[in-house]
């Protein structure tokens, strides 16, 4: 579902030992994961929207692509698809 094994392990470590998790336990875990999953959905939607316009441009060279990152110029901004992060510019 897009969570790392570390995130799942940390969440499961909060459950009481020696008993099966209850419905309330799972509800608490899912509430904690919801903001993370919502953020991931938003990132995927931004990828979908930008990828569609890139493919639609017809340039085939990637010179004008909003997702292109020649020579990893934005590496200092961190891992992942940094061009897809919100910029506050609309």
C-alpha atoms as a PDB file:
ATOM      1  CA  UNK A   1       0.000   0.000   0.000  1.00  0.00           C
ATOM      2  CA  UNK A   2       3.001   2.252  -0.310  1.00  0.00           C
ATOM      3  CA  UNK A   3       4.279   2.262   3.258  1.00  0.00           C
ATOM      4  CA  UNK A   4       7.824   1.136   3.907  1.00  0.00           C
ATOM      5  CA  UNK A   5       8.490  -1.990   5.939  1.00  0.00           C
ATOM      6  CA  UNK A   6      10.051   0.248   8.586  1.00  0.00           C
ATOM      7  CA  UNK A   7       6.828   2.276   8.837  1.00  0.00           C
ATOM      8  CA  UNK A   8       4.697  -0.862   9.110  1.00  0.00           C
ATOM      9  CA  UNK A   9       7.082  -2.401  11.647  1.00  0.00           C
ATOM     10  CA  UNK A  10       7.056   0.731  13.798  1.00  0.00           C
ATOM     11  CA  UNK A  11       3.272   0.803  13.768  1.00  0.00           C
ATOM     12  CA  UNK A  12       2.957  -2.881  14.600  1.00  0.00           C
ATOM     13  CA  UNK A  13       5.438  -2.442  17.453  1.00  0.00           C
ATOM     14  CA  UNK A  14       2.895  -0.177  19.174  1.00  0.00           C
ATOM     15  CA  UNK A  15       0.391  -3.032  19.456  1.00  0.00           C
ATOM     16  CA  UNK A  16       0.123  -4.976  22.707  1.00  0.00           C
ATOM     17  CA  UNK A  17       2.033  -8.238  22.833  1.00  0.00           C
ATOM     18  CA  UNK A  18       0.405 -11.643  23.323  1.00  0.00           C
ATOM     19  CA  UNK A  19      -2.943 -10.791  21.781  1.00  0.00           C
ATOM     20  CA  UNK A  20      -4.441 -10.478  18.349  1.00  0.00           C
ATOM     21  CA  UNK A  21      -4.916  -6.861  17.217  1.00  0.00           C
ATOM     22  CA  UNK A  22      -8.476  -5.654  17.626  1.00  0.00           C
ATOM     23  CA  UNK A  23     -10.620  -3.671  15.240  1.00  0.00           C
ATOM     24  CA  UNK A  24      -9.841  -0.592  17.377  1.00  0.00           C
ATOM     25  CA  UNK A  25      -6.089  -1.277  17.021  1.00  0.00           C
ATOM     26  CA  UNK A  26      -6.368  -1.377  13.230  1.00  0.00           C
ATOM     27  CA  UNK A  27      -8.562   1.735  13.203  1.00  0.00           C
ATOM     28  CA  UNK A  28      -5.867   3.614  15.154  1.00  0.00           C
ATOM     29  CA  UNK A  29      -3.139   2.436  12.782  1.00  0.00           C
ATOM     30  CA  UNK A  30      -5.153   3.373   9.703  1.00  0.00           C
ATOM     31  CA  UNK A  31      -5.858   6.867  11.105  1.00  0.00           C
ATOM     32  CA  UNK A  32      -2.130   7.351  11.620  1.00  0.00           C
ATOM     33  CA  UNK A  33      -1.356   6.194   8.070  1.00  0.00           C
ATOM     34  CA  UNK A  34      -4.079   8.241   6.376  1.00  0.00           C
ATOM     35  CA  UNK A  35      -2.130  11.555   6.043  1.00  0.00           C
ATOM     36  CA  UNK A  36       0.866   9.672   4.638  1.00  0.00           C
ATOM     37  CA  UNK A  37      -1.316   7.830   2.119  1.00  0.00           C
ATOM     38  CA  UNK A  38      -3.194  11.022   1.181  1.00  0.00           C
ATOM     39  CA  UNK A  39       0.151  12.704   0.473  1.00  0.00           C
ATOM     40  CA  UNK A  40       1.213   9.777  -1.671  1.00  0.00           C
ATOM     41  CA  UNK A  41      -2.053   9.927  -3.637  1.00  0.00           C
ATOM     42  CA  UNK A  42      -1.524  13.659  -4.250  1.00  0.00           C
ATOM     43  CA  UNK A  43       2.023  13.019  -5.506  1.00  0.00           C
ATOM     44  CA  UNK A  44       0.767  10.326  -7.886  1.00  0.00           C
ATOM     45  CA  UNK A  45      -1.923  12.678  -9.189  1.00  0.00           C
ATOM     46  CA  UNK A  46       0.708  15.372  -9.848  1.00  0.00           C
ATOM     47  CA  UNK A  47       2.836  12.784 -11.669  1.00  0.00           C
ATOM     48  CA  UNK A  48      -0.159  11.717 -13.754  1.00  0.00           C
ATOM     49  CA  UNK A  49      -1.018  15.307 -14.663  1.00  0.00           C
ATOM     50  CA  UNK A  50       2.530  16.343 -15.583  1.00  0.00           C
ATOM     51  CA  UNK A  51       3.292  13.113 -17.406  1.00  0.00           C
ATOM     52  CA  UNK A  52       0.182  13.506 -19.532  1.00  0.00           C
ATOM     53  CA  UNK A  53       1.203  17.001 -20.641  1.00  0.00           C
ATOM     54  CA  UNK A  54       4.778  15.864 -21.289  1.00  0.00           C
ATOM     55  CA  UNK A  55       3.692  13.001 -23.506  1.00  0.00           C
ATOM     56  CA  UNK A  56       1.212  15.308 -25.212  1.00  0.00           C
ATOM     57  CA  UNK A  57       3.885  17.845 -26.176  1.00  0.00           C
ATOM     58  CA  UNK A  58       5.359  15.605 -28.859  1.00  0.00           C
ATOM     59  CA  UNK A  59       8.950  16.822 -28.374  1.00  0.00           C
ATOM     60  CA  UNK A  60      10.375  13.279 -28.018  1.00  0.00           C
ATOM     61  CA  UNK A  61      13.679  14.817 -26.943  1.00  0.00           C
ATOM     62  CA  UNK A  62      12.901  15.568 -23.285  1.00  0.00           C
ATOM     63  CA  UNK A  63      14.614  18.972 -23.661  1.00  0.00           C
ATOM     64  CA  UNK A  64      11.480  20.803 -22.615  1.00  0.00           C
ATOM     65  CA  UNK A  65      10.061  18.167 -20.275  1.00  0.00           C
ATOM     66  CA  UNK A  66       8.958  19.395 -16.837  1.00  0.00           C
ATOM     67  CA  UNK A  67      10.023  16.044 -15.388  1.00  0.00           C
ATOM     68  CA  UNK A  68      13.515  15.939 -16.937  1.00  0.00           C
ATOM     69  CA  UNK A  69      16.501  16.340 -14.624  1.00  0.00           C
ATOM     70  CA  UNK A  70      19.706  16.295 -16.696  1.00  0.00           C
ATOM     71  CA  UNK A  71      22.880  15.505 -14.764  1.00  0.00           C
ATOM     72  CA  UNK A  72      20.792  15.129 -11.588  1.00  0.00           C
ATOM     73  CA  UNK A  73      20.870  18.899 -11.063  1.00  0.00           C
ATOM     74  CA  UNK A  74      18.271  18.817  -8.293  1.00  0.00           C
ATOM     75  CA  UNK A  75      19.958  16.119  -6.195  1.00  0.00           C
ATOM     76  CA  UNK A  76      20.554  18.605  -3.333  1.00  0.00           C
ATOM     77  CA  UNK A  77      16.760  18.933  -2.970  1.00  0.00           C
ATOM     78  CA  UNK A  78      16.541  15.318  -1.788  1.00  0.00           C
ATOM     79  CA  UNK A  79      15.435  11.941  -3.111  1.00  0.00           C
ATOM     80  CA  UNK A  80      12.358  11.270  -5.160  1.00  0.00           C
ATOM     81  CA  UNK A  81      10.456  13.196  -7.763  1.00  0.00           C
ATOM     82  CA  UNK A  82      11.209  16.675  -6.452  1.00  0.00           C
ATOM     83  CA  UNK A  83       9.679  18.374  -9.488  1.00  0.00           C
ATOM     84  CA  UNK A  84       6.339  16.972  -8.399  1.00  0.00           C
ATOM     85  CA  UNK A  85       6.424  18.553  -4.944  1.00  0.00           C
ATOM     86  CA  UNK A  86       4.007  21.435  -4.348  1.00  0.00           C
ATOM     87  CA  UNK A  87       5.596  24.790  -5.099  1.00  0.00           C
ATOM     88  CA  UNK A  88       2.838  27.063  -3.865  1.00  0.00           C
ATOM     89  CA  UNK A  89       2.626  28.527  -7.365  1.00  0.00           C
ATOM     90  CA  UNK A  90      -0.732  26.975  -8.205  1.00  0.00           C
END
